[in-house]
Amino acid sequence: MKYLFYIILGYLSGSVMYAYLIPRLLKHIDIRELSEDGNPGTANAFLHAGVPIGILVILCELLKGALPVWAAARRLPVSHLFFAPVLAAPVLGHAFPLFFGGKSGGKSIAVSFGVLIGLYPNLSPALTLAALYILFSLVIIIKPHFFRSVITFLLFAVLCLLDRELPLSVTVGGFLLSGIVIRQHFIRYHGEHIGIVFPIHRLFKSRTE
């Protein structure tokens, strides 16, 4: 019952769509209508509501994932397998929000980072996910965002499986949240083609010319 309480708490926390609500309240705009993909997410908040509101949104999105997990980890054993749905609950709430009139939620990237930050002091899963995004954004640039995120979360799930120091609950939780994120990206897939760019290769080529 204790785990169920934090699962419900996490789901309800995830259901609060800050990326939609904050621009709506402060700038009277609906970022779903202004964006190409209709996603009520952090990236569109930055793009259509401006940097200050975007920063506020991303902080709220991180916290809505981090706080329920952090609170649960203070009171319950993280190693118990029932902790896996505690990790997935805020992400599930963001993807299928209770307070959103039955409409589909966001792609769940920011809240996934928040969930992993909630495992503090064990930040290795959060750092792994961040490293993968940096790798595929700066070193081996995968375009468009759909492919970058899908590949990132696929590899994140695999690395969770390979990390023997992670509790099984965190590994399963990583698989669950990765599956939700990938699913949310596929429902907004519009036939884009993958592109891969190697900036280092271009740098060396320019120096030799």
N, C-alpha and C. Protein backbone atom coordinates (compact mmCIF):
# COMPACT_ATOMS: atom_id res chain seq x y z
N MET A 1 0.82 -1.21 0.00
CA MET A 1 0.00 0.00 0.00
C MET A 1 0.85 1.27 0.00
N LYS A 2 2.01 1.20 0.66
CA LYS A 2 2.89 2.37 0.68
C LYS A 2 3.41 2.67 -0.73
N TYR A 3 3.79 1.63 -1.45
CA TYR A 3 4.26 1.84 -2.83
C TYR A 3 3.11 2.37 -3.69
N LEU A 4 1.91 1.85 -3.50
CA LEU A 4 0.76 2.31 -4.27
C LEU A 4 0.50 3.79 -4.03
N PHE A 5 0.69 4.24 -2.80
CA PHE A 5 0.49 5.66 -2.50
C PHE A 5 1.43 6.52 -3.34
N TYR A 6 2.71 6.13 -3.42
CA TYR A 6 3.67 6.94 -4.17
C TYR A 6 3.50 6.78 -5.68
N ILE A 7 2.97 5.64 -6.10
CA ILE A 7 2.66 5.48 -7.52
C ILE A 7 1.55 6.45 -7.91
N ILE A 8 0.50 6.50 -7.10
CA ILE A 8 -0.61 7.43 -7.38
C ILE A 8 -0.14 8.88 -7.27
N LEU A 9 0.68 9.17 -6.25
CA LEU A 9 1.20 10.53 -6.09
C LEU A 9 2.03 10.94 -7.31
N GLY A 10 2.88 10.03 -7.76
CA GLY A 10 3.71 10.33 -8.93
C GLY A 10 2.88 10.54 -10.18
N TYR A 11 1.86 9.70 -10.36
CA TYR A 11 1.01 9.85 -11.54
C TYR A 11 0.27 11.19 -11.52
N LEU A 12 -0.26 11.56 -10.37
CA LEU A 12 -0.97 12.84 -10.26
C LEU A 12 -0.03 14.01 -10.47
N SER A 13 1.18 13.91 -9.93
CA SER A 13 2.17 14.97 -10.14
C SER A 13 2.52 15.10 -11.61
N GLY A 14 2.72 13.96 -12.27
CA GLY A 14 3.05 13.99 -13.70
C GLY A 14 1.93 14.52 -14.56
N SER A 15 0.70 14.41 -14.08
CA SER A 15 -0.46 14.84 -14.86
C SER A 15 -0.61 16.36 -14.94
N VAL A 16 0.13 17.09 -14.12
CA VAL A 16 0.07 18.56 -14.18
C VAL A 16 0.94 19.01 -15.34
N MET A 17 0.33 19.54 -16.38
CA MET A 17 1.05 19.87 -17.62
C MET A 17 1.55 21.32 -17.58
N TYR A 18 2.69 21.50 -16.93
CA TYR A 18 3.24 22.86 -16.76
C TYR A 18 3.60 23.50 -18.10
N ALA A 19 4.05 22.71 -19.04
CA ALA A 19 4.44 23.27 -20.34
C ALA A 19 3.24 23.86 -21.08
N TYR A 20 2.07 23.37 -20.76
CA TYR A 20 0.85 23.94 -21.32
C TYR A 20 0.29 25.06 -20.44
N LEU A 21 0.25 24.81 -19.11
CA LEU A 21 -0.42 25.73 -18.19
C LEU A 21 0.32 27.05 -18.03
N ILE A 22 1.63 27.01 -17.87
CA ILE A 22 2.38 28.24 -17.59
C ILE A 22 2.32 29.22 -18.77
N PRO A 23 2.59 28.80 -20.02
CA PRO A 23 2.42 29.74 -21.14
C PRO A 23 0.98 30.23 -21.27
N ARG A 24 0.03 29.35 -20.95
CA ARG A 24 -1.38 29.73 -21.05
C ARG A 24 -1.72 30.82 -20.03
N LEU A 25 -1.21 30.67 -18.80
CA LEU A 25 -1.52 31.62 -17.74
C LEU A 25 -0.74 32.93 -17.89
N LEU A 26 0.52 32.84 -18.27
CA LEU A 26 1.38 34.03 -18.29
C LEU A 26 1.39 34.77 -19.62
N LYS A 27 1.19 34.05 -20.73
CA LYS A 27 1.23 34.71 -22.04
C LYS A 27 -0.05 34.52 -22.85
N HIS A 28 -1.00 33.80 -22.28
CA HIS A 28 -2.30 33.58 -22.92
C HIS A 28 -2.15 32.95 -24.30
N ILE A 29 -1.27 31.97 -24.40
CA ILE A 29 -1.08 31.25 -25.66
C ILE A 29 -1.20 29.75 -25.39
N ASP A 30 -1.61 29.02 -26.42
CA ASP A 30 -1.69 27.57 -26.37
C ASP A 30 -0.56 27.03 -27.24
N ILE A 31 0.49 26.52 -26.61
CA ILE A 31 1.66 26.09 -27.40
C ILE A 31 1.34 24.91 -28.30
N ARG A 32 0.28 24.17 -27.99
CA ARG A 32 -0.10 23.06 -28.87
C ARG A 32 -0.57 23.57 -30.23
N GLU A 33 -1.27 24.70 -30.21
CA GLU A 33 -1.78 25.27 -31.47
C GLU A 33 -0.68 25.96 -32.26
N LEU A 34 0.32 26.49 -31.57
CA LEU A 34 1.39 27.22 -32.25
C LEU A 34 2.48 26.31 -32.79
N SER A 35 2.65 25.11 -32.20
CA SER A 35 3.75 24.23 -32.58
C SER A 35 3.34 23.32 -33.73
N GLU A 36 4.34 22.81 -34.45
CA GLU A 36 4.09 21.93 -35.58
C GLU A 36 3.59 20.56 -35.14
N ASP A 37 4.13 20.07 -34.03
CA ASP A 37 3.78 18.71 -33.60
C ASP A 37 2.66 18.67 -32.57
N GLY A 38 2.20 19.83 -32.09
CA GLY A 38 1.12 19.87 -31.12
C GLY A 38 1.49 19.33 -29.76
N ASN A 39 2.79 19.26 -29.49
CA ASN A 39 3.26 18.66 -28.24
C ASN A 39 3.29 19.68 -27.10
N PRO A 40 2.60 19.40 -25.99
CA PRO A 40 2.65 20.30 -24.84
C PRO A 40 3.89 20.03 -23.99
N GLY A 41 5.04 20.31 -24.57
CA GLY A 41 6.31 19.97 -23.92
C GLY A 41 7.22 21.15 -23.73
N THR A 42 8.33 20.89 -23.07
CA THR A 42 9.28 21.94 -22.70
C THR A 42 9.88 22.65 -23.90
N ALA A 43 10.26 21.90 -24.93
CA ALA A 43 10.89 22.51 -26.10
C ALA A 43 9.97 23.53 -26.75
N ASN A 44 8.69 23.20 -26.86
CA ASN A 44 7.74 24.15 -27.46
C ASN A 44 7.47 25.34 -26.55
N ALA A 45 7.59 25.13 -25.24
CA ALA A 45 7.45 26.26 -24.31
C ALA A 45 8.58 27.26 -24.53
N PHE A 46 9.80 26.76 -24.68
CA PHE A 46 10.94 27.64 -24.99
C PHE A 46 10.73 28.35 -26.32
N LEU A 47 10.32 27.58 -27.33
CA LEU A 47 10.22 28.12 -28.68
C LEU A 47 9.13 29.16 -28.83
N HIS A 48 7.99 28.94 -28.22
CA HIS A 48 6.84 29.79 -28.47
C HIS A 48 6.49 30.75 -27.32
N ALA A 49 7.02 30.48 -26.12
CA ALA A 49 6.72 31.36 -24.99
C ALA A 49 7.94 32.15 -24.52
N GLY A 50 9.12 31.82 -25.03
CA GLY A 50 10.32 32.57 -24.67
C GLY A 50 11.16 31.85 -23.62
N VAL A 51 12.40 32.31 -23.51
CA VAL A 51 13.36 31.66 -22.63
C VAL A 51 12.98 31.73 -21.15
N PRO A 52 12.60 32.89 -20.61
CA PRO A 52 12.25 32.93 -19.17
C PRO A 52 11.14 31.95 -18.80
N ILE A 53 10.09 31.91 -19.61
CA ILE A 53 9.00 30.98 -19.33
C ILE A 53 9.47 29.54 -19.57
N GLY A 54 10.30 29.35 -20.57
CA GLY A 54 10.83 28.02 -20.84
C GLY A 54 11.63 27.49 -19.67
N ILE A 55 12.43 28.35 -19.04
CA ILE A 55 13.22 27.94 -17.87
C ILE A 55 12.31 27.57 -16.72
N LEU A 56 11.28 28.38 -16.49
CA LEU A 56 10.32 28.08 -15.43
C LEU A 56 9.62 26.75 -15.70
N VAL A 57 9.27 26.51 -16.93
CA VAL A 57 8.60 25.26 -17.30
C VAL A 57 9.50 24.07 -17.06
N ILE A 58 10.75 24.14 -17.50
CA ILE A 58 11.61 22.97 -17.36
C ILE A 58 11.91 22.67 -15.89
N LEU A 59 12.00 23.71 -15.07
CA LEU A 59 12.19 23.48 -13.63
C LEU A 59 10.99 22.76 -13.03
N CYS A 60 9.79 23.19 -13.41
CA CYS A 60 8.58 22.55 -12.90
C CYS A 60 8.45 21.12 -13.41
N GLU A 61 8.81 20.90 -14.67
CA GLU A 61 8.72 19.57 -15.24
C GLU A 61 9.72 18.61 -14.58
N LEU A 62 10.91 19.11 -14.29
CA LEU A 62 11.89 18.29 -13.58
C LEU A 62 11.42 17.96 -12.17
N LEU A 63 10.89 18.98 -11.50
CA LEU A 63 10.47 18.78 -10.10
C LEU A 63 9.28 17.84 -10.00
N LYS A 64 8.37 17.88 -10.96
CA LYS A 64 7.19 17.02 -10.84
C LYS A 64 7.56 15.55 -10.99
N GLY A 65 8.71 15.29 -11.61
CA GLY A 65 9.20 13.92 -11.65
C GLY A 65 10.09 13.59 -10.47
N ALA A 66 10.91 14.55 -10.06
CA ALA A 66 11.91 14.30 -9.02
C ALA A 66 11.30 14.17 -7.63
N LEU A 67 10.39 15.06 -7.28
CA LEU A 67 9.90 15.11 -5.89
C LEU A 67 9.17 13.84 -5.45
N PRO A 68 8.24 13.28 -6.25
CA PRO A 68 7.59 12.05 -5.80
C PRO A 68 8.56 10.89 -5.63
N VAL A 69 9.52 10.79 -6.56
CA VAL A 69 10.50 9.70 -6.48
C VAL A 69 11.43 9.91 -5.29
N TRP A 70 11.88 11.14 -5.10
CA TRP A 70 12.76 11.44 -3.97
C TRP A 70 12.06 11.15 -2.65
N ALA A 71 10.79 11.56 -2.53
CA ALA A 71 10.03 11.31 -1.30
C ALA A 71 9.86 9.82 -1.06
N ALA A 72 9.58 9.06 -2.12
CA ALA A 72 9.42 7.62 -1.97
C ALA A 72 10.73 6.96 -1.57
N ALA A 73 11.83 7.42 -2.16
CA ALA A 73 13.14 6.83 -1.86
C ALA A 73 13.58 7.10 -0.43
N ARG A 74 13.05 8.16 0.20
CA ARG A 74 13.39 8.45 1.59
C ARG A 74 12.67 7.51 2.55
N ARG A 75 11.56 6.92 2.11
CA ARG A 75 10.71 6.15 3.02
C ARG A 75 10.63 4.67 2.67
N LEU A 76 10.95 4.33 1.41
CA LEU A 76 10.80 2.94 0.96
C LEU A 76 12.10 2.44 0.35
N PRO A 77 12.35 1.13 0.40
CA PRO A 77 13.55 0.56 -0.22
C PRO A 77 13.51 0.71 -1.74
N VAL A 78 14.51 1.38 -2.29
CA VAL A 78 14.57 1.54 -3.75
C VAL A 78 14.80 0.20 -4.43
N SER A 79 15.44 -0.73 -3.74
CA SER A 79 15.76 -2.03 -4.33
C SER A 79 14.55 -2.94 -4.52
N HIS A 80 13.44 -2.62 -3.87
CA HIS A 80 12.23 -3.46 -4.01
C HIS A 80 11.66 -3.28 -5.42
N LEU A 81 11.25 -4.39 -6.02
CA LEU A 81 10.77 -4.34 -7.41
C LEU A 81 9.57 -3.42 -7.57
N PHE A 82 8.78 -3.23 -6.51
CA PHE A 82 7.63 -2.32 -6.59
C PHE A 82 8.05 -0.87 -6.77
N PHE A 83 9.36 -0.58 -6.62
CA PHE A 83 9.81 0.79 -6.84
C PHE A 83 9.85 1.13 -8.34
N ALA A 84 9.88 0.11 -9.19
CA ALA A 84 9.90 0.36 -10.64
C ALA A 84 8.69 1.17 -11.10
N PRO A 85 7.45 0.78 -10.74
CA PRO A 85 6.32 1.63 -11.15
C PRO A 85 6.30 2.99 -10.47
N VAL A 86 6.97 3.12 -9.32
CA VAL A 86 7.11 4.46 -8.71
C VAL A 86 7.90 5.36 -9.65
N LEU A 87 8.94 4.80 -10.27
CA LEU A 87 9.74 5.58 -11.22
C LEU A 87 8.94 5.92 -12.48
N ALA A 88 8.13 4.97 -12.93
CA ALA A 88 7.41 5.17 -14.19
C ALA A 88 6.18 6.06 -14.03
N ALA A 89 5.64 6.16 -12.81
CA ALA A 89 4.36 6.84 -12.61
C ALA A 89 4.33 8.30 -13.07
N PRO A 90 5.31 9.16 -12.72
CA PRO A 90 5.24 10.55 -13.20
C PRO A 90 5.34 10.65 -14.72
N VAL A 91 6.12 9.76 -15.32
CA VAL A 91 6.25 9.76 -16.78
C VAL A 91 4.93 9.33 -17.42
N LEU A 92 4.30 8.33 -16.83
CA LEU A 92 3.00 7.89 -17.31
C LEU A 92 1.96 8.99 -17.17
N GLY A 93 2.02 9.73 -16.04
CA GLY A 93 1.09 10.83 -15.84
C GLY A 93 1.26 11.92 -16.86
N HIS A 94 2.50 12.20 -17.25
CA HIS A 94 2.75 13.23 -18.26
C HIS A 94 2.26 12.78 -19.63
N ALA A 95 2.44 11.49 -19.93
CA ALA A 95 2.02 10.98 -21.23
C ALA A 95 0.50 10.82 -21.34
N PHE A 96 -0.12 10.44 -20.22
CA PHE A 96 -1.58 10.24 -20.18
C PHE A 96 -2.14 11.01 -18.99
N PRO A 97 -2.17 12.34 -19.09
CA PRO A 97 -2.52 13.17 -17.93
C PRO A 97 -3.99 13.09 -17.55
N LEU A 98 -4.20 12.98 -16.25
CA LEU A 98 -5.57 12.95 -15.73
C LEU A 98 -6.26 14.30 -15.88
N PHE A 99 -5.48 15.38 -15.75
CA PHE A 99 -6.05 16.74 -15.74
C PHE A 99 -5.93 17.43 -17.10
N PHE A 100 -6.15 16.69 -18.18
CA PHE A 100 -5.93 17.30 -19.49
C PHE A 100 -7.09 17.04 -20.44
N GLY A 101 -8.25 16.81 -19.88
CA GLY A 101 -9.44 16.65 -20.69
C GLY A 101 -9.42 15.47 -21.64
N GLY A 102 -8.70 14.42 -21.26
CA GLY A 102 -8.65 13.24 -22.11
C GLY A 102 -7.70 13.37 -23.28
N LYS A 103 -6.98 14.49 -23.39
CA LYS A 103 -6.07 14.70 -24.51
C LYS A 103 -4.71 14.08 -24.21
N SER A 104 -4.00 13.74 -25.29
CA SER A 104 -2.69 13.13 -25.14
C SER A 104 -1.70 14.11 -24.53
N GLY A 105 -0.82 13.60 -23.70
CA GLY A 105 0.18 14.45 -23.05
C GLY A 105 1.42 14.63 -23.91
N GLY A 106 2.52 14.98 -23.22
CA GLY A 106 3.76 15.29 -23.93
C GLY A 106 4.64 14.08 -24.15
N LYS A 107 5.84 14.34 -24.66
CA LYS A 107 6.77 13.27 -25.00
C LYS A 107 7.53 12.73 -23.80
N SER A 108 7.46 13.45 -22.68
CA SER A 108 7.92 12.93 -21.38
C SER A 108 9.43 12.93 -21.18
N ILE A 109 10.17 13.71 -21.93
CA ILE A 109 11.63 13.71 -21.78
C ILE A 109 12.05 14.41 -20.49
N ALA A 110 11.58 15.63 -20.27
CA ALA A 110 12.00 16.40 -19.10
C ALA A 110 11.60 15.70 -17.80
N VAL A 111 10.38 15.18 -17.76
CA VAL A 111 9.93 14.51 -16.54
C VAL A 111 10.72 13.22 -16.31
N SER A 112 11.19 12.57 -17.37
CA SER A 112 12.04 11.39 -17.21
C SER A 112 13.36 11.76 -16.54
N PHE A 113 13.94 12.87 -16.96
CA PHE A 113 15.15 13.35 -16.29
C PHE A 113 14.85 13.64 -14.82
N GLY A 114 13.70 14.25 -14.56
CA GLY A 114 13.33 14.56 -13.19
C GLY A 114 13.22 13.31 -12.34
N VAL A 115 12.59 12.28 -12.87
CA VAL A 115 12.44 11.00 -12.16
C VAL A 115 13.81 10.45 -11.77
N LEU A 116 14.74 10.48 -12.72
CA LEU A 116 16.08 9.93 -12.46
C LEU A 116 16.85 10.79 -11.47
N ILE A 117 16.64 12.09 -11.51
CA ILE A 117 17.27 12.97 -10.52
C ILE A 117 16.73 12.66 -9.13
N GLY A 118 15.48 12.24 -9.07
CA GLY A 118 14.87 11.90 -7.79
C GLY A 118 15.54 10.72 -7.09
N LEU A 119 16.38 9.98 -7.80
CA LEU A 119 17.11 8.86 -7.21
C LEU A 119 18.35 9.33 -6.42
N TYR A 120 18.56 10.63 -6.35
CA TYR A 120 19.70 11.18 -5.62
C TYR A 120 19.83 10.52 -4.24
N PRO A 121 21.04 10.11 -3.84
CA PRO A 121 22.36 10.45 -4.38
C PRO A 121 22.85 9.57 -5.53
N ASN A 122 22.07 8.59 -5.97
CA ASN A 122 22.49 7.77 -7.10
C ASN A 122 22.07 8.47 -8.40
N LEU A 123 22.98 9.23 -8.95
CA LEU A 123 22.67 10.00 -10.16
C LEU A 123 23.21 9.34 -11.43
N SER A 124 23.72 8.14 -11.32
CA SER A 124 24.30 7.50 -12.50
C SER A 124 23.29 7.31 -13.64
N PRO A 125 22.02 6.92 -13.37
CA PRO A 125 21.08 6.82 -14.49
C PRO A 125 20.81 8.17 -15.15
N ALA A 126 20.66 9.22 -14.36
CA ALA A 126 20.42 10.55 -14.93
C ALA A 126 21.61 11.01 -15.75
N LEU A 127 22.82 10.78 -15.25
CA LEU A 127 24.03 11.18 -15.98
C LEU A 127 24.20 10.36 -17.25
N THR A 128 23.82 9.10 -17.22
CA THR A 128 23.90 8.26 -18.42
C THR A 128 22.97 8.80 -19.50
N LEU A 129 21.74 9.13 -19.12
CA LEU A 129 20.79 9.67 -20.09
C LEU A 129 21.28 11.01 -20.64
N ALA A 130 21.80 11.86 -19.76
CA ALA A 130 22.32 13.16 -20.21
C ALA A 130 23.50 12.97 -21.16
N ALA A 131 24.40 12.03 -20.84
CA ALA A 131 25.56 11.79 -21.70
C ALA A 131 25.15 11.32 -23.09
N LEU A 132 24.12 10.49 -23.15
CA LEU A 132 23.64 10.02 -24.45
C LEU A 132 23.06 11.16 -25.27
N TYR A 133 22.31 12.04 -24.62
CA TYR A 133 21.76 13.19 -25.35
C TYR A 133 22.86 14.11 -25.84
N ILE A 134 23.88 14.33 -25.01
CA ILE A 134 25.01 15.16 -25.42
C ILE A 134 25.75 14.51 -26.58
N LEU A 135 25.97 13.20 -26.50
CA LEU A 135 26.66 12.47 -27.57
C LEU A 135 25.95 12.63 -28.90
N PHE A 136 24.63 12.45 -28.89
CA PHE A 136 23.88 12.48 -30.14
C PHE A 136 23.42 13.88 -30.55
N SER A 137 23.78 14.88 -29.73
CA SER A 137 23.46 16.27 -30.08
C SER A 137 24.70 17.04 -30.51
N LEU A 138 25.89 16.62 -30.04
CA LEU A 138 27.10 17.39 -30.29
C LEU A 138 28.20 16.61 -30.99
N VAL A 139 28.33 15.33 -30.72
CA VAL A 139 29.45 14.54 -31.25
C VAL A 139 29.03 13.75 -32.48
N ILE A 140 28.00 12.95 -32.33
CA ILE A 140 27.39 12.24 -33.46
C ILE A 140 25.96 12.77 -33.55
N ILE A 141 25.76 13.77 -34.35
CA ILE A 141 24.48 14.48 -34.37
C ILE A 141 23.45 13.68 -35.17
N ILE A 142 22.41 13.24 -34.45
CA ILE A 142 21.33 12.49 -35.09
C ILE A 142 20.15 13.44 -35.27
N LYS A 143 19.65 13.53 -36.49
CA LYS A 143 18.51 14.38 -36.80
C LYS A 143 17.46 13.55 -37.51
N PRO A 144 16.18 13.95 -37.36
CA PRO A 144 15.63 15.00 -36.49
C PRO A 144 15.51 14.52 -35.05
N HIS A 145 14.82 15.33 -34.25
CA HIS A 145 14.70 15.06 -32.82
C HIS A 145 14.05 13.70 -32.55
N PHE A 146 13.13 13.28 -33.41
CA PHE A 146 12.45 12.00 -33.22
C PHE A 146 13.47 10.87 -33.10
N PHE A 147 14.36 10.77 -34.08
CA PHE A 147 15.34 9.68 -34.09
C PHE A 147 16.34 9.83 -32.95
N ARG A 148 16.74 11.06 -32.66
CA ARG A 148 17.71 11.28 -31.57
C ARG A 148 17.14 10.79 -30.25
N SER A 149 15.90 11.11 -29.97
CA SER A 149 15.30 10.71 -28.69
C SER A 149 15.03 9.21 -28.63
N VAL A 150 14.51 8.64 -29.72
CA VAL A 150 14.22 7.21 -29.72
C VAL A 150 15.50 6.40 -29.53
N ILE A 151 16.56 6.75 -30.26
CA ILE A 151 17.83 6.03 -30.12
C ILE A 151 18.42 6.24 -28.73
N THR A 152 18.32 7.46 -28.22
CA THR A 152 18.84 7.76 -26.88
C THR A 152 18.16 6.89 -25.83
N PHE A 153 16.86 6.81 -25.85
CA PHE A 153 16.16 6.05 -24.81
C PHE A 153 16.28 4.54 -25.02
N LEU A 154 16.43 4.09 -26.26
CA LEU A 154 16.71 2.68 -26.48
C LEU A 154 18.05 2.29 -25.87
N LEU A 155 19.07 3.09 -26.14
CA LEU A 155 20.39 2.82 -25.58
C LEU A 155 20.41 2.97 -24.07
N PHE A 156 19.65 3.93 -23.56
CA PHE A 156 19.57 4.10 -22.11
C PHE A 156 19.02 2.83 -21.46
N ALA A 157 17.97 2.26 -22.03
CA ALA A 157 17.40 1.02 -21.49
C ALA A 157 18.42 -0.11 -21.52
N VAL A 158 19.17 -0.20 -22.61
CA VAL A 158 20.19 -1.25 -22.73
C VAL A 158 21.29 -1.05 -21.69
N LEU A 159 21.74 0.19 -21.51
CA LEU A 159 22.80 0.46 -20.54
C LEU A 159 22.33 0.21 -19.11
N CYS A 160 21.06 0.47 -18.84
CA CYS A 160 20.52 0.13 -17.51
C CYS A 160 20.60 -1.37 -17.28
N LEU A 161 20.31 -2.13 -18.33
CA LEU A 161 20.36 -3.59 -18.23
C LEU A 161 21.79 -4.08 -18.00
N LEU A 162 22.76 -3.40 -18.60
CA LEU A 162 24.15 -3.83 -18.50
C LEU A 162 24.82 -3.37 -17.21
N ASP A 163 24.24 -2.38 -16.55
CA ASP A 163 24.83 -1.85 -15.31
C ASP A 163 24.47 -2.76 -14.14
N ARG A 164 25.40 -3.58 -13.73
CA ARG A 164 25.13 -4.56 -12.67
C ARG A 164 25.01 -3.91 -11.30
N GLU A 165 25.43 -2.67 -11.17
CA GLU A 165 25.33 -2.00 -9.88
C GLU A 165 23.95 -1.42 -9.63
N LEU A 166 23.14 -1.31 -10.68
CA LEU A 166 21.79 -0.79 -10.51
C LEU A 166 20.88 -1.85 -9.90
N PRO A 167 20.02 -1.46 -8.97
CA PRO A 167 19.00 -2.40 -8.49
C PRO A 167 18.08 -2.81 -9.63
N LEU A 168 17.54 -4.02 -9.56
CA LEU A 168 16.63 -4.48 -10.60
C LEU A 168 15.44 -3.54 -10.76
N SER A 169 15.00 -2.96 -9.66
CA SER A 169 13.85 -2.05 -9.72
C SER A 169 14.15 -0.84 -10.61
N VAL A 170 15.38 -0.31 -10.51
CA VAL A 170 15.75 0.85 -11.33
C VAL A 170 15.90 0.44 -12.79
N THR A 171 16.45 -0.74 -13.03
CA THR A 171 16.56 -1.25 -14.40
C THR A 171 15.19 -1.39 -15.04
N VAL A 172 14.25 -2.01 -14.32
CA VAL A 172 12.89 -2.18 -14.84
C VAL A 172 12.22 -0.82 -15.01
N GLY A 173 12.42 0.07 -14.02
CA GLY A 173 11.86 1.41 -14.14
C GLY A 173 12.40 2.15 -15.34
N GLY A 174 13.71 1.97 -15.62
CA GLY A 174 14.31 2.59 -16.80
C GLY A 174 13.69 2.07 -18.08
N PHE A 175 13.41 0.76 -18.13
CA PHE A 175 12.74 0.18 -19.29
C PHE A 175 11.34 0.74 -19.44
N LEU A 176 10.61 0.85 -18.35
CA LEU A 176 9.24 1.34 -18.41
C LEU A 176 9.18 2.78 -18.91
N LEU A 177 9.99 3.65 -18.33
CA LEU A 177 9.93 5.06 -18.75
C LEU A 177 10.44 5.22 -20.17
N SER A 178 11.43 4.42 -20.56
CA SER A 178 11.93 4.47 -21.94
C SER A 178 10.84 4.06 -22.91
N GLY A 179 10.09 3.02 -22.56
CA GLY A 179 9.00 2.58 -23.42
C GLY A 179 7.93 3.64 -23.59
N ILE A 180 7.62 4.34 -22.51
CA ILE A 180 6.60 5.40 -22.58
C ILE A 180 7.09 6.54 -23.47
N VAL A 181 8.33 6.95 -23.28
CA VAL A 181 8.88 8.06 -24.08
C VAL A 181 8.91 7.70 -25.56
N ILE A 182 9.37 6.50 -25.87
CA ILE A 182 9.45 6.07 -27.27
C ILE A 182 8.05 6.00 -27.88
N ARG A 183 7.10 5.49 -27.12
CA ARG A 183 5.73 5.43 -27.61
C ARG A 183 5.19 6.83 -27.91
N GLN A 184 5.46 7.78 -27.03
CA GLN A 184 4.98 9.14 -27.23
C GLN A 184 5.61 9.80 -28.45
N HIS A 185 6.84 9.41 -28.77
CA HIS A 185 7.47 9.95 -29.98
C HIS A 185 6.86 9.32 -31.24
N PHE A 186 6.57 8.03 -31.19
CA PHE A 186 6.04 7.37 -32.39
C PHE A 186 4.64 7.87 -32.74
N ILE A 187 3.84 8.27 -31.76
CA ILE A 187 2.50 8.74 -32.11
C ILE A 187 2.56 10.11 -32.79
N ARG A 188 3.72 10.77 -32.72
CA ARG A 188 3.89 12.05 -33.41
C ARG A 188 4.89 11.95 -34.56
N TYR A 189 5.17 10.75 -34.99
CA TYR A 189 6.09 10.54 -36.11
C TYR A 189 5.37 10.81 -37.42
N HIS A 190 6.01 11.61 -38.28
CA HIS A 190 5.37 12.01 -39.55
C HIS A 190 6.22 11.62 -40.75
N GLY A 191 6.93 10.51 -40.66
CA GLY A 191 7.68 10.01 -41.82
C GLY A 191 9.01 10.68 -42.05
N GLU A 192 9.57 11.35 -41.04
CA GLU A 192 10.87 11.97 -41.20
C GLU A 192 11.95 10.91 -41.46
N HIS A 193 13.01 11.33 -42.12
CA HIS A 193 14.13 10.43 -42.41
C HIS A 193 15.31 10.79 -41.51
N ILE A 194 16.04 9.76 -41.12
CA ILE A 194 17.15 9.98 -40.21
C ILE A 194 18.35 10.60 -40.94
N GLY A 195 19.05 11.46 -40.23
CA GLY A 195 20.28 12.06 -40.74
C GLY A 195 21.33 12.04 -39.64
N ILE A 196 22.57 11.71 -40.01
CA ILE A 196 23.67 11.65 -39.05
C ILE A 196 24.79 12.55 -39.52
N VAL A 197 25.26 13.42 -38.63
CA VAL A 197 26.32 14.37 -38.96
C VAL A 197 27.46 14.18 -37.97
N PHE A 198 28.70 14.21 -38.50
CA PHE A 198 29.89 14.10 -37.66
C PHE A 198 30.64 15.42 -37.71
N PRO A 199 30.40 16.33 -36.75
CA PRO A 199 31.08 17.63 -36.77
C PRO A 199 32.59 17.53 -36.73
N ILE A 200 33.14 16.54 -36.03
CA ILE A 200 34.59 16.40 -35.95
C ILE A 200 35.17 16.09 -37.32
N HIS A 201 34.47 15.26 -38.09
CA HIS A 201 34.92 14.95 -39.44
C HIS A 201 34.97 16.21 -40.29
N ARG A 202 33.94 17.06 -40.16
CA ARG A 202 33.92 18.31 -40.91
C ARG A 202 35.05 19.22 -40.49
N LEU A 203 35.35 19.24 -39.19
CA LEU A 203 36.42 20.10 -38.67
C LEU A 203 37.76 19.69 -39.27
N PHE A 204 38.06 18.39 -39.27
CA PHE A 204 39.33 17.91 -39.82
C PHE A 204 39.39 18.15 -41.31
N LYS A 205 38.25 18.00 -42.00
CA LYS A 205 38.21 18.20 -43.43
C LYS A 205 38.51 19.65 -43.78
N SER A 206 37.94 20.59 -43.00
CA SER A 206 38.16 22.02 -43.25
C SER A 206 39.61 22.42 -43.02
N ARG A 207 40.26 21.75 -42.06
CA ARG A 207 41.66 22.08 -41.77
C ARG A 207 42.61 21.56 -42.83
N THR A 208 42.22 20.50 -43.51
CA THR A 208 43.09 19.92 -44.54
C THR A 208 42.88 20.56 -45.90
N GLU A 209 41.83 21.35 -46.03
CA GLU A 209 41.56 21.99 -47.34
C GLU A 209 42.35 23.28 -47.49
